Amino acid sequence: MDGEALVKDVLVDSVSAAEGVTPSSLTGYHKTGTYTYDPAKAKARLAELGVKDLTLKIIWETGEFASDTSVMEALVEMFGAIGVKTELQQFEPGGNILAWRQGKQGDWDLLGNGFSSPTGLAITMMQGMYAGTPEKEKTRDTYQGYVIPDVQAKIQAASSEVDPARRQELLAVAQQAIWDTWPCAWAFVPKSVLAHRERVSGINLAPTNSYPLVDARLEA
């Protein structure tokens, strides 16, 4: 994926390319790597694998993220540039995309999806997305079928560590393990914007995209 083009031309700099498996604003975040746009390498890799006439089905829900339709249309062009055909299927809010995500309704190859962290902690997002177990997968309660026992064990170790310094070390190890197994074509992080008049103070936007009103002050 040409992430730079998506950021500048499609999402008009309202986002930044992800450099980890969680947003950098979250407590416990660890930078794991970056995406490199290399269509020639992608085509060569497909040829090495003997893949021909590949078609991918991409699904997403309207409004899942900003400019969602434009992003998906850009993906069609980028996949086409390496000889991969794509089929888009868009779901309206309130539709049955959840059943598709769980593999109950139909089959798909790539999902356009977002995930938030209500606590402002990286571990919360990691637990929700990457701590899947075989037991959870039986009921389709994992995150799109991501079940890797070694990763789940690393997340569990980080979440149960009480020493802050050691916890951060374990969080870094777990996030790197996720990155190394992450079946993600590209990811981005929306930029949070906060505006207020000069006579309003004490408003500091938190990683959860919220702020405590108790700290706000209004000058005369």
N, C-alpha and C. Protein backbone atom coordinates (compact mmCIF):
# COMPACT_ATOMS: atom_id res chain seq x y z
N MET A 1 0.84 -1.19 0.00
CA MET A 1 0.00 0.00 0.00
C MET A 1 0.88 1.25 0.00
N ASP A 2 0.49 2.23 -0.81
CA ASP A 2 1.21 3.50 -0.83
C ASP A 2 0.63 4.36 0.30
N GLY A 3 1.14 4.14 1.51
CA GLY A 3 0.61 4.84 2.67
C GLY A 3 0.77 6.34 2.60
N GLU A 4 1.90 6.80 2.05
CA GLU A 4 2.14 8.23 1.96
C GLU A 4 1.09 8.90 1.07
N ALA A 5 0.73 8.25 -0.03
CA ALA A 5 -0.29 8.80 -0.92
C ALA A 5 -1.66 8.81 -0.24
N LEU A 6 -1.95 7.77 0.52
CA LEU A 6 -3.22 7.72 1.23
C LEU A 6 -3.32 8.85 2.26
N VAL A 7 -2.23 9.08 2.98
CA VAL A 7 -2.22 10.13 4.01
C VAL A 7 -2.40 11.52 3.37
N LYS A 8 -1.64 11.78 2.32
CA LYS A 8 -1.62 13.12 1.74
C LYS A 8 -2.77 13.39 0.77
N ASP A 9 -3.04 12.44 -0.10
CA ASP A 9 -3.99 12.70 -1.18
C ASP A 9 -5.42 12.29 -0.86
N VAL A 10 -5.59 11.27 -0.04
CA VAL A 10 -6.93 10.78 0.26
C VAL A 10 -7.42 11.28 1.62
N LEU A 11 -6.59 11.15 2.63
CA LEU A 11 -6.98 11.54 3.98
C LEU A 11 -6.49 12.93 4.36
N VAL A 12 -5.91 13.63 3.38
CA VAL A 12 -5.48 15.04 3.48
C VAL A 12 -4.83 15.37 4.83
N ASP A 13 -3.87 14.56 5.22
CA ASP A 13 -3.07 14.79 6.43
C ASP A 13 -3.88 14.84 7.73
N SER A 14 -5.06 14.24 7.73
CA SER A 14 -5.86 14.17 8.96
C SER A 14 -5.46 12.96 9.80
N VAL A 15 -4.53 12.14 9.28
CA VAL A 15 -4.08 10.95 9.98
C VAL A 15 -2.56 10.85 9.84
N SER A 16 -1.98 9.92 10.57
CA SER A 16 -0.56 9.61 10.41
C SER A 16 -0.43 8.10 10.28
N ALA A 17 0.56 7.66 9.52
CA ALA A 17 0.77 6.24 9.33
C ALA A 17 1.18 5.59 10.66
N ALA A 18 0.64 4.44 10.94
CA ALA A 18 0.97 3.74 12.19
C ALA A 18 2.41 3.24 12.15
N GLU A 19 3.09 3.33 13.28
CA GLU A 19 4.44 2.80 13.41
C GLU A 19 4.49 1.74 14.51
N GLY A 20 3.33 1.20 14.79
CA GLY A 20 3.21 0.17 15.81
C GLY A 20 1.83 -0.44 15.73
N VAL A 21 1.54 -1.35 16.62
CA VAL A 21 0.25 -2.03 16.59
C VAL A 21 -0.80 -1.31 17.45
N THR A 22 -0.38 -0.23 18.11
CA THR A 22 -1.30 0.64 18.85
C THR A 22 -0.90 2.09 18.55
N PRO A 23 -1.80 3.04 18.75
CA PRO A 23 -1.45 4.45 18.54
C PRO A 23 -0.35 4.90 19.51
N SER A 24 0.50 5.79 19.05
CA SER A 24 1.62 6.25 19.87
C SER A 24 1.18 7.09 21.06
N SER A 25 -0.06 7.57 21.05
CA SER A 25 -0.55 8.39 22.15
C SER A 25 -0.94 7.57 23.37
N LEU A 26 -1.03 6.26 23.24
CA LEU A 26 -1.44 5.41 24.34
C LEU A 26 -0.30 5.10 25.29
N THR A 27 -0.60 5.06 26.57
CA THR A 27 0.40 4.70 27.58
C THR A 27 0.82 3.25 27.38
N GLY A 28 2.12 3.03 27.27
CA GLY A 28 2.62 1.68 27.06
C GLY A 28 2.94 1.39 25.60
N TYR A 29 2.75 2.38 24.74
CA TYR A 29 3.03 2.20 23.31
C TYR A 29 4.51 1.90 23.07
N HIS A 30 4.76 1.08 22.04
CA HIS A 30 6.14 0.77 21.63
C HIS A 30 6.19 0.79 20.11
N LYS A 31 7.14 1.56 19.57
CA LYS A 31 7.31 1.61 18.12
C LYS A 31 7.90 0.29 17.63
N THR A 32 7.25 -0.31 16.64
CA THR A 32 7.68 -1.63 16.18
C THR A 32 8.21 -1.63 14.76
N GLY A 33 7.79 -0.70 13.92
CA GLY A 33 8.26 -0.70 12.54
C GLY A 33 7.44 0.23 11.67
N THR A 34 7.79 0.28 10.40
CA THR A 34 7.08 1.13 9.46
C THR A 34 6.78 0.34 8.18
N TYR A 35 5.83 0.85 7.41
CA TYR A 35 5.47 0.22 6.15
C TYR A 35 6.32 0.81 5.02
N THR A 36 6.71 -0.03 4.08
CA THR A 36 7.47 0.41 2.92
C THR A 36 6.70 0.08 1.65
N TYR A 37 6.49 1.09 0.82
CA TYR A 37 5.76 0.89 -0.43
C TYR A 37 6.73 0.40 -1.50
N ASP A 38 6.54 -0.83 -1.94
CA ASP A 38 7.45 -1.42 -2.92
C ASP A 38 6.66 -2.37 -3.82
N PRO A 39 5.93 -1.83 -4.81
CA PRO A 39 5.11 -2.68 -5.69
C PRO A 39 5.93 -3.70 -6.48
N ALA A 40 7.15 -3.34 -6.86
CA ALA A 40 7.98 -4.27 -7.61
C ALA A 40 8.29 -5.52 -6.77
N LYS A 41 8.60 -5.30 -5.49
CA LYS A 41 8.88 -6.42 -4.58
C LYS A 41 7.63 -7.26 -4.38
N ALA A 42 6.48 -6.58 -4.29
CA ALA A 42 5.22 -7.31 -4.10
C ALA A 42 4.93 -8.21 -5.31
N LYS A 43 5.14 -7.70 -6.51
CA LYS A 43 4.91 -8.49 -7.72
C LYS A 43 5.87 -9.66 -7.79
N ALA A 44 7.14 -9.41 -7.41
CA ALA A 44 8.13 -10.47 -7.43
C ALA A 44 7.79 -11.56 -6.43
N ARG A 45 7.30 -11.14 -5.27
CA ARG A 45 6.94 -12.12 -4.23
C ARG A 45 5.78 -12.98 -4.68
N LEU A 46 4.78 -12.38 -5.32
CA LEU A 46 3.65 -13.14 -5.84
C LEU A 46 4.12 -14.15 -6.88
N ALA A 47 5.05 -13.72 -7.72
CA ALA A 47 5.59 -14.62 -8.75
C ALA A 47 6.34 -15.79 -8.12
N GLU A 48 7.11 -15.51 -7.05
CA GLU A 48 7.84 -16.56 -6.36
C GLU A 48 6.89 -17.60 -5.78
N LEU A 49 5.75 -17.13 -5.31
CA LEU A 49 4.76 -18.02 -4.70
C LEU A 49 3.90 -18.72 -5.74
N GLY A 50 4.08 -18.35 -7.00
CA GLY A 50 3.28 -18.96 -8.06
C GLY A 50 1.84 -18.51 -8.07
N VAL A 51 1.60 -17.31 -7.55
CA VAL A 51 0.23 -16.80 -7.48
C VAL A 51 -0.13 -16.06 -8.77
N LYS A 52 -1.22 -16.49 -9.40
CA LYS A 52 -1.69 -15.85 -10.62
C LYS A 52 -3.19 -15.60 -10.52
N ASP A 53 -3.65 -14.56 -11.16
CA ASP A 53 -5.09 -14.24 -11.21
C ASP A 53 -5.71 -14.19 -9.81
N LEU A 54 -5.00 -13.57 -8.89
CA LEU A 54 -5.49 -13.46 -7.52
C LEU A 54 -6.58 -12.39 -7.42
N THR A 55 -7.66 -12.72 -6.73
CA THR A 55 -8.74 -11.76 -6.49
C THR A 55 -9.01 -11.69 -5.00
N LEU A 56 -9.05 -10.48 -4.45
CA LEU A 56 -9.32 -10.28 -3.04
C LEU A 56 -10.67 -9.61 -2.85
N LYS A 57 -11.39 -10.04 -1.83
CA LYS A 57 -12.66 -9.40 -1.48
C LYS A 57 -12.44 -8.53 -0.26
N ILE A 58 -12.73 -7.24 -0.40
CA ILE A 58 -12.54 -6.27 0.69
C ILE A 58 -13.90 -5.82 1.18
N ILE A 59 -14.12 -5.89 2.49
CA ILE A 59 -15.38 -5.45 3.07
C ILE A 59 -15.13 -4.35 4.09
N TRP A 60 -16.13 -3.49 4.27
CA TRP A 60 -16.05 -2.46 5.30
C TRP A 60 -17.44 -1.86 5.51
N GLU A 61 -17.60 -1.15 6.60
CA GLU A 61 -18.87 -0.52 6.93
C GLU A 61 -18.76 0.98 6.70
N THR A 62 -19.77 1.56 6.09
CA THR A 62 -19.79 2.99 5.83
C THR A 62 -19.59 3.77 7.13
N GLY A 63 -18.67 4.75 7.10
CA GLY A 63 -18.43 5.57 8.28
C GLY A 63 -17.48 4.96 9.29
N GLU A 64 -16.89 3.83 8.97
CA GLU A 64 -15.95 3.19 9.90
C GLU A 64 -14.77 4.10 10.19
N PHE A 65 -14.36 4.87 9.18
CA PHE A 65 -13.31 5.87 9.35
C PHE A 65 -13.50 6.93 8.27
N ALA A 66 -12.80 8.03 8.41
CA ALA A 66 -12.97 9.15 7.48
C ALA A 66 -12.58 8.76 6.05
N SER A 67 -13.35 9.26 5.08
CA SER A 67 -13.07 9.02 3.66
C SER A 67 -12.95 7.53 3.34
N ASP A 68 -13.79 6.71 3.98
CA ASP A 68 -13.67 5.27 3.83
C ASP A 68 -13.81 4.80 2.38
N THR A 69 -14.80 5.33 1.67
CA THR A 69 -15.01 4.90 0.29
C THR A 69 -13.83 5.28 -0.60
N SER A 70 -13.31 6.48 -0.42
CA SER A 70 -12.16 6.93 -1.22
C SER A 70 -10.92 6.08 -0.93
N VAL A 71 -10.74 5.71 0.34
CA VAL A 71 -9.60 4.85 0.70
C VAL A 71 -9.72 3.50 0.00
N MET A 72 -10.92 2.92 0.02
CA MET A 72 -11.11 1.62 -0.60
C MET A 72 -10.92 1.67 -2.11
N GLU A 73 -11.37 2.73 -2.72
CA GLU A 73 -11.18 2.87 -4.16
C GLU A 73 -9.70 3.01 -4.50
N ALA A 74 -8.94 3.68 -3.61
CA ALA A 74 -7.50 3.80 -3.82
C ALA A 74 -6.83 2.43 -3.69
N LEU A 75 -7.32 1.60 -2.78
CA LEU A 75 -6.76 0.27 -2.61
C LEU A 75 -6.95 -0.56 -3.87
N VAL A 76 -8.09 -0.38 -4.53
CA VAL A 76 -8.35 -1.11 -5.78
C VAL A 76 -7.24 -0.81 -6.80
N GLU A 77 -6.89 0.46 -6.92
CA GLU A 77 -5.84 0.86 -7.86
C GLU A 77 -4.48 0.31 -7.45
N MET A 78 -4.17 0.36 -6.15
CA MET A 78 -2.87 -0.11 -5.68
C MET A 78 -2.71 -1.61 -5.85
N PHE A 79 -3.75 -2.36 -5.55
CA PHE A 79 -3.69 -3.81 -5.77
C PHE A 79 -3.61 -4.11 -7.27
N GLY A 80 -4.35 -3.34 -8.06
CA GLY A 80 -4.32 -3.54 -9.50
C GLY A 80 -2.93 -3.33 -10.08
N ALA A 81 -2.17 -2.43 -9.48
CA ALA A 81 -0.81 -2.13 -9.97
C ALA A 81 0.13 -3.32 -9.82
N ILE A 82 -0.19 -4.25 -8.93
CA ILE A 82 0.65 -5.44 -8.78
C ILE A 82 -0.04 -6.68 -9.34
N GLY A 83 -1.10 -6.47 -10.12
CA GLY A 83 -1.77 -7.57 -10.79
C GLY A 83 -2.78 -8.32 -9.96
N VAL A 84 -3.26 -7.69 -8.88
CA VAL A 84 -4.26 -8.33 -8.01
C VAL A 84 -5.60 -7.64 -8.21
N LYS A 85 -6.61 -8.42 -8.53
CA LYS A 85 -7.95 -7.88 -8.70
C LYS A 85 -8.64 -7.80 -7.34
N THR A 86 -9.53 -6.85 -7.20
CA THR A 86 -10.25 -6.69 -5.93
C THR A 86 -11.73 -6.54 -6.16
N GLU A 87 -12.48 -7.01 -5.19
CA GLU A 87 -13.94 -6.87 -5.19
C GLU A 87 -14.32 -6.15 -3.90
N LEU A 88 -15.02 -5.03 -4.01
CA LEU A 88 -15.42 -4.26 -2.85
C LEU A 88 -16.86 -4.58 -2.46
N GLN A 89 -17.09 -4.72 -1.15
CA GLN A 89 -18.44 -4.90 -0.63
C GLN A 89 -18.62 -3.98 0.57
N GLN A 90 -19.50 -3.00 0.42
CA GLN A 90 -19.73 -1.99 1.44
C GLN A 90 -21.01 -2.29 2.20
N PHE A 91 -20.94 -2.16 3.52
CA PHE A 91 -22.11 -2.41 4.36
C PHE A 91 -22.57 -1.10 4.98
N GLU A 92 -23.87 -0.93 5.06
CA GLU A 92 -24.40 0.25 5.71
C GLU A 92 -24.46 0.03 7.22
N PRO A 93 -24.35 1.10 8.02
CA PRO A 93 -24.44 0.96 9.48
C PRO A 93 -25.73 0.26 9.89
N GLY A 94 -25.62 -0.65 10.83
CA GLY A 94 -26.79 -1.40 11.27
C GLY A 94 -27.03 -2.64 10.45
N GLY A 95 -26.17 -2.88 9.46
CA GLY A 95 -26.32 -4.06 8.62
C GLY A 95 -25.73 -5.30 9.27
N ASN A 96 -25.42 -6.30 8.45
CA ASN A 96 -24.95 -7.58 9.00
C ASN A 96 -23.45 -7.79 8.85
N ILE A 97 -22.67 -6.69 8.86
CA ILE A 97 -21.22 -6.87 8.70
C ILE A 97 -20.61 -7.63 9.87
N LEU A 98 -21.22 -7.55 11.07
CA LEU A 98 -20.68 -8.29 12.22
C LEU A 98 -20.65 -9.78 11.93
N ALA A 99 -21.71 -10.29 11.32
CA ALA A 99 -21.74 -11.72 10.99
C ALA A 99 -20.67 -12.06 9.97
N TRP A 100 -20.39 -11.13 9.05
CA TRP A 100 -19.32 -11.35 8.08
C TRP A 100 -17.96 -11.32 8.77
N ARG A 101 -17.77 -10.37 9.69
CA ARG A 101 -16.50 -10.29 10.41
C ARG A 101 -16.20 -11.57 11.16
N GLN A 102 -17.25 -12.18 11.69
CA GLN A 102 -17.08 -13.41 12.47
C GLN A 102 -17.02 -14.66 11.60
N GLY A 103 -17.11 -14.49 10.28
CA GLY A 103 -17.05 -15.63 9.39
C GLY A 103 -18.31 -16.46 9.36
N LYS A 104 -19.43 -15.89 9.81
CA LYS A 104 -20.69 -16.63 9.86
C LYS A 104 -21.56 -16.40 8.62
N GLN A 105 -21.37 -15.26 7.97
CA GLN A 105 -22.26 -14.88 6.88
C GLN A 105 -21.64 -15.10 5.50
N GLY A 106 -20.37 -14.79 5.37
CA GLY A 106 -19.72 -14.92 4.07
C GLY A 106 -18.21 -14.83 4.22
N ASP A 107 -17.52 -15.04 3.11
CA ASP A 107 -16.06 -15.06 3.15
C ASP A 107 -15.50 -13.75 2.62
N TRP A 108 -14.36 -13.34 3.15
CA TRP A 108 -13.70 -12.11 2.72
C TRP A 108 -12.20 -12.26 2.95
N ASP A 109 -11.43 -11.37 2.35
CA ASP A 109 -9.97 -11.45 2.45
C ASP A 109 -9.36 -10.29 3.22
N LEU A 110 -9.94 -9.09 3.08
CA LEU A 110 -9.39 -7.90 3.72
C LEU A 110 -10.53 -7.09 4.30
N LEU A 111 -10.35 -6.65 5.53
CA LEU A 111 -11.39 -5.89 6.24
C LEU A 111 -10.89 -4.50 6.58
N GLY A 112 -11.67 -3.49 6.22
CA GLY A 112 -11.38 -2.13 6.64
C GLY A 112 -12.04 -1.90 7.98
N ASN A 113 -11.26 -1.72 9.01
CA ASN A 113 -11.83 -1.71 10.35
C ASN A 113 -11.05 -0.78 11.28
N GLY A 114 -11.74 -0.25 12.27
CA GLY A 114 -11.11 0.59 13.27
C GLY A 114 -11.27 -0.02 14.65
N PHE A 115 -10.40 0.40 15.58
CA PHE A 115 -10.47 -0.11 16.95
C PHE A 115 -9.98 0.97 17.89
N SER A 116 -10.75 1.26 18.91
CA SER A 116 -10.40 2.33 19.84
C SER A 116 -9.94 1.76 21.18
N SER A 117 -9.37 2.64 22.00
CA SER A 117 -8.97 2.25 23.34
C SER A 117 -9.63 3.20 24.33
N PRO A 118 -10.69 2.78 25.01
CA PRO A 118 -11.41 3.67 25.93
C PRO A 118 -10.64 4.04 27.19
N THR A 119 -9.53 3.35 27.44
CA THR A 119 -8.79 3.61 28.68
C THR A 119 -7.55 4.46 28.48
N GLY A 120 -7.12 4.63 27.24
CA GLY A 120 -5.87 5.36 27.00
C GLY A 120 -4.64 4.51 27.23
N LEU A 121 -4.84 3.19 27.40
CA LEU A 121 -3.74 2.26 27.65
C LEU A 121 -3.55 1.34 26.44
N ALA A 122 -2.30 1.13 26.06
CA ALA A 122 -2.02 0.22 24.94
C ALA A 122 -2.48 -1.20 25.25
N ILE A 123 -2.34 -1.62 26.51
CA ILE A 123 -2.68 -3.00 26.86
C ILE A 123 -4.16 -3.29 26.63
N THR A 124 -5.03 -2.30 26.79
CA THR A 124 -6.46 -2.50 26.57
C THR A 124 -6.73 -2.87 25.12
N MET A 125 -6.10 -2.15 24.20
CA MET A 125 -6.27 -2.44 22.78
C MET A 125 -5.66 -3.79 22.43
N MET A 126 -4.52 -4.10 23.00
CA MET A 126 -3.87 -5.38 22.73
C MET A 126 -4.72 -6.55 23.20
N GLN A 127 -5.33 -6.40 24.36
CA GLN A 127 -6.18 -7.47 24.88
C GLN A 127 -7.41 -7.67 24.00
N GLY A 128 -7.98 -6.58 23.52
CA GLY A 128 -9.19 -6.68 22.71
C GLY A 128 -8.95 -7.23 21.32
N MET A 129 -7.78 -6.94 20.75
CA MET A 129 -7.53 -7.33 19.37
C MET A 129 -6.66 -8.59 19.23
N TYR A 130 -5.69 -8.78 20.10
CA TYR A 130 -4.67 -9.79 19.83
C TYR A 130 -4.52 -10.88 20.89
N ALA A 131 -5.39 -10.88 21.88
CA ALA A 131 -5.29 -11.89 22.94
C ALA A 131 -6.30 -13.01 22.72
N GLY A 132 -6.58 -13.33 21.47
CA GLY A 132 -7.54 -14.38 21.17
C GLY A 132 -7.04 -15.76 21.59
N THR A 133 -7.96 -16.63 21.95
CA THR A 133 -7.65 -18.00 22.35
C THR A 133 -8.49 -18.98 21.53
N PRO A 134 -8.07 -20.23 21.44
CA PRO A 134 -8.87 -21.23 20.72
C PRO A 134 -10.30 -21.33 21.28
N GLU A 135 -10.43 -21.15 22.59
CA GLU A 135 -11.77 -21.22 23.20
C GLU A 135 -12.66 -20.09 22.70
N LYS A 136 -12.09 -18.87 22.62
CA LYS A 136 -12.85 -17.74 22.12
C LYS A 136 -13.18 -17.89 20.63
N GLU A 137 -12.28 -18.52 19.89
CA GLU A 137 -12.50 -18.67 18.46
C GLU A 137 -13.65 -19.63 18.17
N LYS A 138 -13.89 -20.57 19.07
CA LYS A 138 -15.01 -21.50 18.88
C LYS A 138 -16.34 -20.77 18.82
N THR A 139 -16.43 -19.67 19.56
CA THR A 139 -17.66 -18.87 19.55
C THR A 139 -17.53 -17.63 18.68
N ARG A 140 -16.42 -17.54 17.92
CA ARG A 140 -16.14 -16.40 17.03
C ARG A 140 -16.05 -15.08 17.80
N ASP A 141 -15.49 -15.15 19.01
CA ASP A 141 -15.33 -13.95 19.83
C ASP A 141 -13.90 -13.42 19.82
N THR A 142 -13.09 -13.86 18.88
CA THR A 142 -11.75 -13.31 18.73
C THR A 142 -11.82 -12.14 17.77
N TYR A 143 -10.73 -11.43 17.62
CA TYR A 143 -10.69 -10.31 16.69
C TYR A 143 -10.35 -10.82 15.30
N GLN A 144 -11.36 -11.06 14.49
CA GLN A 144 -11.21 -11.53 13.11
C GLN A 144 -10.36 -12.81 13.01
N GLY A 145 -10.46 -13.67 14.03
CA GLY A 145 -9.76 -14.95 13.96
C GLY A 145 -8.29 -14.91 14.32
N TYR A 146 -7.82 -13.78 14.87
CA TYR A 146 -6.40 -13.70 15.25
C TYR A 146 -6.19 -14.49 16.54
N VAL A 147 -5.58 -15.67 16.40
CA VAL A 147 -5.32 -16.53 17.55
C VAL A 147 -3.89 -17.05 17.44
N ILE A 148 -2.99 -16.48 18.23
CA ILE A 148 -1.59 -16.91 18.26
C ILE A 148 -1.20 -17.07 19.73
N PRO A 149 -1.16 -18.31 20.22
CA PRO A 149 -0.91 -18.57 21.65
C PRO A 149 0.30 -17.85 22.22
N ASP A 150 1.41 -17.80 21.46
CA ASP A 150 2.61 -17.15 21.96
C ASP A 150 2.38 -15.66 22.20
N VAL A 151 1.65 -15.02 21.30
CA VAL A 151 1.33 -13.60 21.47
C VAL A 151 0.39 -13.41 22.65
N GLN A 152 -0.60 -14.26 22.76
CA GLN A 152 -1.55 -14.17 23.88
C GLN A 152 -0.84 -14.30 25.21
N ALA A 153 0.15 -15.20 25.29
CA ALA A 153 0.90 -15.40 26.53
C ALA A 153 1.72 -14.16 26.86
N LYS A 154 2.30 -13.52 25.86
CA LYS A 154 3.09 -12.30 26.09
C LYS A 154 2.20 -11.16 26.57
N ILE A 155 1.02 -11.04 26.00
CA ILE A 155 0.08 -10.00 26.45
C ILE A 155 -0.35 -10.25 27.88
N GLN A 156 -0.61 -11.51 28.21
CA GLN A 156 -1.01 -11.87 29.57
C GLN A 156 0.10 -11.55 30.56
N ALA A 157 1.33 -11.82 30.19
CA ALA A 157 2.46 -11.54 31.08
C ALA A 157 2.59 -10.05 31.33
N ALA A 158 2.41 -9.25 30.29
CA ALA A 158 2.51 -7.79 30.44
C ALA A 158 1.38 -7.24 31.30
N SER A 159 0.19 -7.76 31.12
CA SER A 159 -0.96 -7.23 31.85
C SER A 159 -0.94 -7.59 33.33
N SER A 160 -0.23 -8.66 33.69
CA SER A 160 -0.18 -9.09 35.10
C SER A 160 1.05 -8.58 35.84
N GLU A 161 1.96 -7.89 35.15
CA GLU A 161 3.18 -7.37 35.78
C GLU A 161 2.86 -6.08 36.55
N VAL A 162 3.29 -6.01 37.81
CA VAL A 162 2.98 -4.85 38.64
C VAL A 162 4.08 -3.80 38.63
N ASP A 163 5.30 -4.21 38.33
CA ASP A 163 6.41 -3.26 38.29
C ASP A 163 6.34 -2.46 36.98
N PRO A 164 6.23 -1.12 37.05
CA PRO A 164 6.05 -0.30 35.84
C PRO A 164 7.14 -0.48 34.79
N ALA A 165 8.39 -0.49 35.22
CA ALA A 165 9.50 -0.62 34.27
C ALA A 165 9.48 -1.98 33.59
N ARG A 166 9.28 -3.01 34.37
CA ARG A 166 9.23 -4.36 33.81
C ARG A 166 8.01 -4.52 32.91
N ARG A 167 6.89 -3.89 33.30
CA ARG A 167 5.67 -3.98 32.49
C ARG A 167 5.90 -3.37 31.11
N GLN A 168 6.61 -2.23 31.08
CA GLN A 168 6.89 -1.59 29.80
C GLN A 168 7.76 -2.48 28.92
N GLU A 169 8.72 -3.16 29.53
CA GLU A 169 9.57 -4.08 28.78
C GLU A 169 8.74 -5.21 28.17
N LEU A 170 7.83 -5.75 28.96
CA LEU A 170 6.98 -6.84 28.48
C LEU A 170 5.99 -6.36 27.42
N LEU A 171 5.52 -5.13 27.58
CA LEU A 171 4.62 -4.56 26.58
C LEU A 171 5.34 -4.41 25.24
N ALA A 172 6.60 -3.99 25.30
CA ALA A 172 7.39 -3.84 24.07
C ALA A 172 7.59 -5.18 23.39
N VAL A 173 7.89 -6.20 24.17
CA VAL A 173 8.08 -7.55 23.61
C VAL A 173 6.79 -8.05 22.96
N ALA A 174 5.67 -7.84 23.65
CA ALA A 174 4.38 -8.30 23.13
C ALA A 174 4.00 -7.56 21.85
N GLN A 175 4.23 -6.25 21.81
CA GLN A 175 3.88 -5.48 20.62
C GLN A 175 4.75 -5.86 19.42
N GLN A 176 6.01 -6.16 19.67
CA GLN A 176 6.87 -6.60 18.57
C GLN A 176 6.42 -7.95 18.04
N ALA A 177 5.99 -8.82 18.94
CA ALA A 177 5.49 -10.14 18.52
C ALA A 177 4.22 -10.00 17.69
N ILE A 178 3.38 -9.04 18.05
CA ILE A 178 2.18 -8.79 17.27
C ILE A 178 2.54 -8.26 15.88
N TRP A 179 3.45 -7.30 15.85
CA TRP A 179 3.88 -6.71 14.57
C TRP A 179 4.43 -7.78 13.63
N ASP A 180 5.20 -8.71 14.18
CA ASP A 180 5.82 -9.75 13.36
C ASP A 180 4.80 -10.73 12.79
N THR A 181 3.60 -10.76 13.35
CA THR A 181 2.57 -11.70 12.89
C THR A 181 1.32 -10.97 12.40
N TRP A 182 1.40 -9.65 12.33
CA TRP A 182 0.22 -8.82 12.05
C TRP A 182 -0.22 -8.94 10.59
N PRO A 183 -1.38 -9.50 10.32
CA PRO A 183 -1.87 -9.62 8.94
C PRO A 183 -2.56 -8.33 8.50
N CYS A 184 -1.82 -7.25 8.46
CA CYS A 184 -2.39 -5.93 8.19
C CYS A 184 -1.70 -5.30 6.99
N ALA A 185 -2.48 -4.90 5.99
CA ALA A 185 -1.92 -4.31 4.78
C ALA A 185 -1.34 -2.93 5.05
N TRP A 186 -2.03 -2.17 5.89
CA TRP A 186 -1.58 -0.82 6.24
C TRP A 186 -2.48 -0.32 7.37
N ALA A 187 -1.97 0.57 8.19
CA ALA A 187 -2.77 1.11 9.29
C ALA A 187 -2.45 2.58 9.50
N PHE A 188 -3.42 3.31 9.99
CA PHE A 188 -3.21 4.72 10.26
C PHE A 188 -3.87 5.11 11.57
N VAL A 189 -3.46 6.24 12.11
CA VAL A 189 -3.98 6.75 13.37
C VAL A 189 -4.57 8.14 13.13
N PRO A 190 -5.86 8.34 13.39
CA PRO A 190 -6.45 9.68 13.21
C PRO A 190 -5.83 10.69 14.17
N LYS A 191 -5.70 11.90 13.71
CA LYS A 191 -5.17 12.96 14.55
C LYS A 191 -6.32 13.59 15.34
N SER A 192 -6.14 13.73 16.63
CA SER A 192 -7.15 14.37 17.48
C SER A 192 -6.95 15.88 17.45
N VAL A 193 -8.02 16.60 17.25
CA VAL A 193 -7.95 18.06 17.17
C VAL A 193 -8.80 18.67 18.28
N LEU A 194 -8.22 19.61 19.00
CA LEU A 194 -8.93 20.31 20.07
C LEU A 194 -8.77 21.81 19.88
N ALA A 195 -9.88 22.52 19.84
CA ALA A 195 -9.84 23.98 19.68
C ALA A 195 -10.69 24.63 20.76
N HIS A 196 -10.22 25.76 21.29
CA HIS A 196 -11.00 26.48 22.29
C HIS A 196 -10.57 27.95 22.28
N ARG A 197 -11.42 28.80 22.79
CA ARG A 197 -11.13 30.23 22.84
C ARG A 197 -10.03 30.50 23.87
N GLU A 198 -9.36 31.62 23.73
CA GLU A 198 -8.23 31.95 24.59
C GLU A 198 -8.63 32.08 26.05
N ARG A 199 -9.86 32.47 26.33
CA ARG A 199 -10.26 32.63 27.73
C ARG A 199 -10.63 31.31 28.40
N VAL A 200 -10.60 30.21 27.64
CA VAL A 200 -10.84 28.89 28.21
C VAL A 200 -9.49 28.20 28.41
N SER A 201 -9.24 27.70 29.61
CA SER A 201 -7.96 27.04 29.90
C SER A 201 -8.19 25.74 30.65
N GLY A 202 -7.12 25.00 30.83
CA GLY A 202 -7.20 23.75 31.60
C GLY A 202 -7.78 22.59 30.83
N ILE A 203 -7.91 22.75 29.51
CA ILE A 203 -8.44 21.66 28.70
C ILE A 203 -7.27 20.94 28.01
N ASN A 204 -7.03 19.74 28.44
CA ASN A 204 -5.95 18.94 27.86
C ASN A 204 -6.54 17.65 27.31
N LEU A 205 -6.40 17.48 26.01
CA LEU A 205 -6.98 16.30 25.37
C LEU A 205 -6.21 15.05 25.77
N ALA A 206 -6.95 14.06 26.24
CA ALA A 206 -6.35 12.80 26.68
C ALA A 206 -6.24 11.82 25.51
N PRO A 207 -5.45 10.76 25.66
CA PRO A 207 -5.33 9.76 24.60
C PRO A 207 -6.66 9.12 24.22
N THR A 208 -7.64 9.18 25.11
CA THR A 208 -8.96 8.62 24.81
C THR A 208 -9.82 9.59 24.02
N ASN A 209 -9.23 10.68 23.54
CA ASN A 209 -9.93 11.70 22.77
C ASN A 209 -11.03 12.36 23.61
N SER A 210 -10.76 12.56 24.89
CA SER A 210 -11.70 13.21 25.80
C SER A 210 -10.89 14.08 26.76
N TYR A 211 -11.57 14.84 27.58
CA TYR A 211 -10.87 15.67 28.56
C TYR A 211 -11.75 15.85 29.80
N PRO A 212 -11.14 15.94 30.98
CA PRO A 212 -11.90 16.11 32.22
C PRO A 212 -12.39 17.56 32.39
N LEU A 213 -13.68 17.73 32.43
CA LEU A 213 -14.23 19.07 32.56
C LEU A 213 -13.90 19.72 33.90
N VAL A 214 -13.58 18.89 34.90
CA VAL A 214 -13.29 19.43 36.22
C VAL A 214 -12.06 20.33 36.19
N ASP A 215 -11.18 20.15 35.20
CA ASP A 215 -9.97 20.95 35.09
C ASP A 215 -10.16 22.22 34.27
N ALA A 216 -11.29 22.34 33.60
CA ALA A 216 -11.51 23.48 32.72
C ALA A 216 -11.77 24.76 33.50
N ARG A 217 -11.27 25.88 32.97
CA ARG A 217 -11.45 27.19 33.61
C ARG A 217 -11.91 28.20 32.56
N LEU A 218 -12.85 29.03 32.94
CA LEU A 218 -13.37 30.06 32.04
C LEU A 218 -13.05 31.43 32.63
N GLU A 219 -12.27 32.21 31.91
CA GLU A 219 -11.89 33.55 32.39
C GLU A 219 -12.96 34.58 32.03
N ALA A 220 -13.03 35.61 32.79
CA ALA A 220 -14.02 36.67 32.52
C ALA A 220 -13.65 37.44 31.27
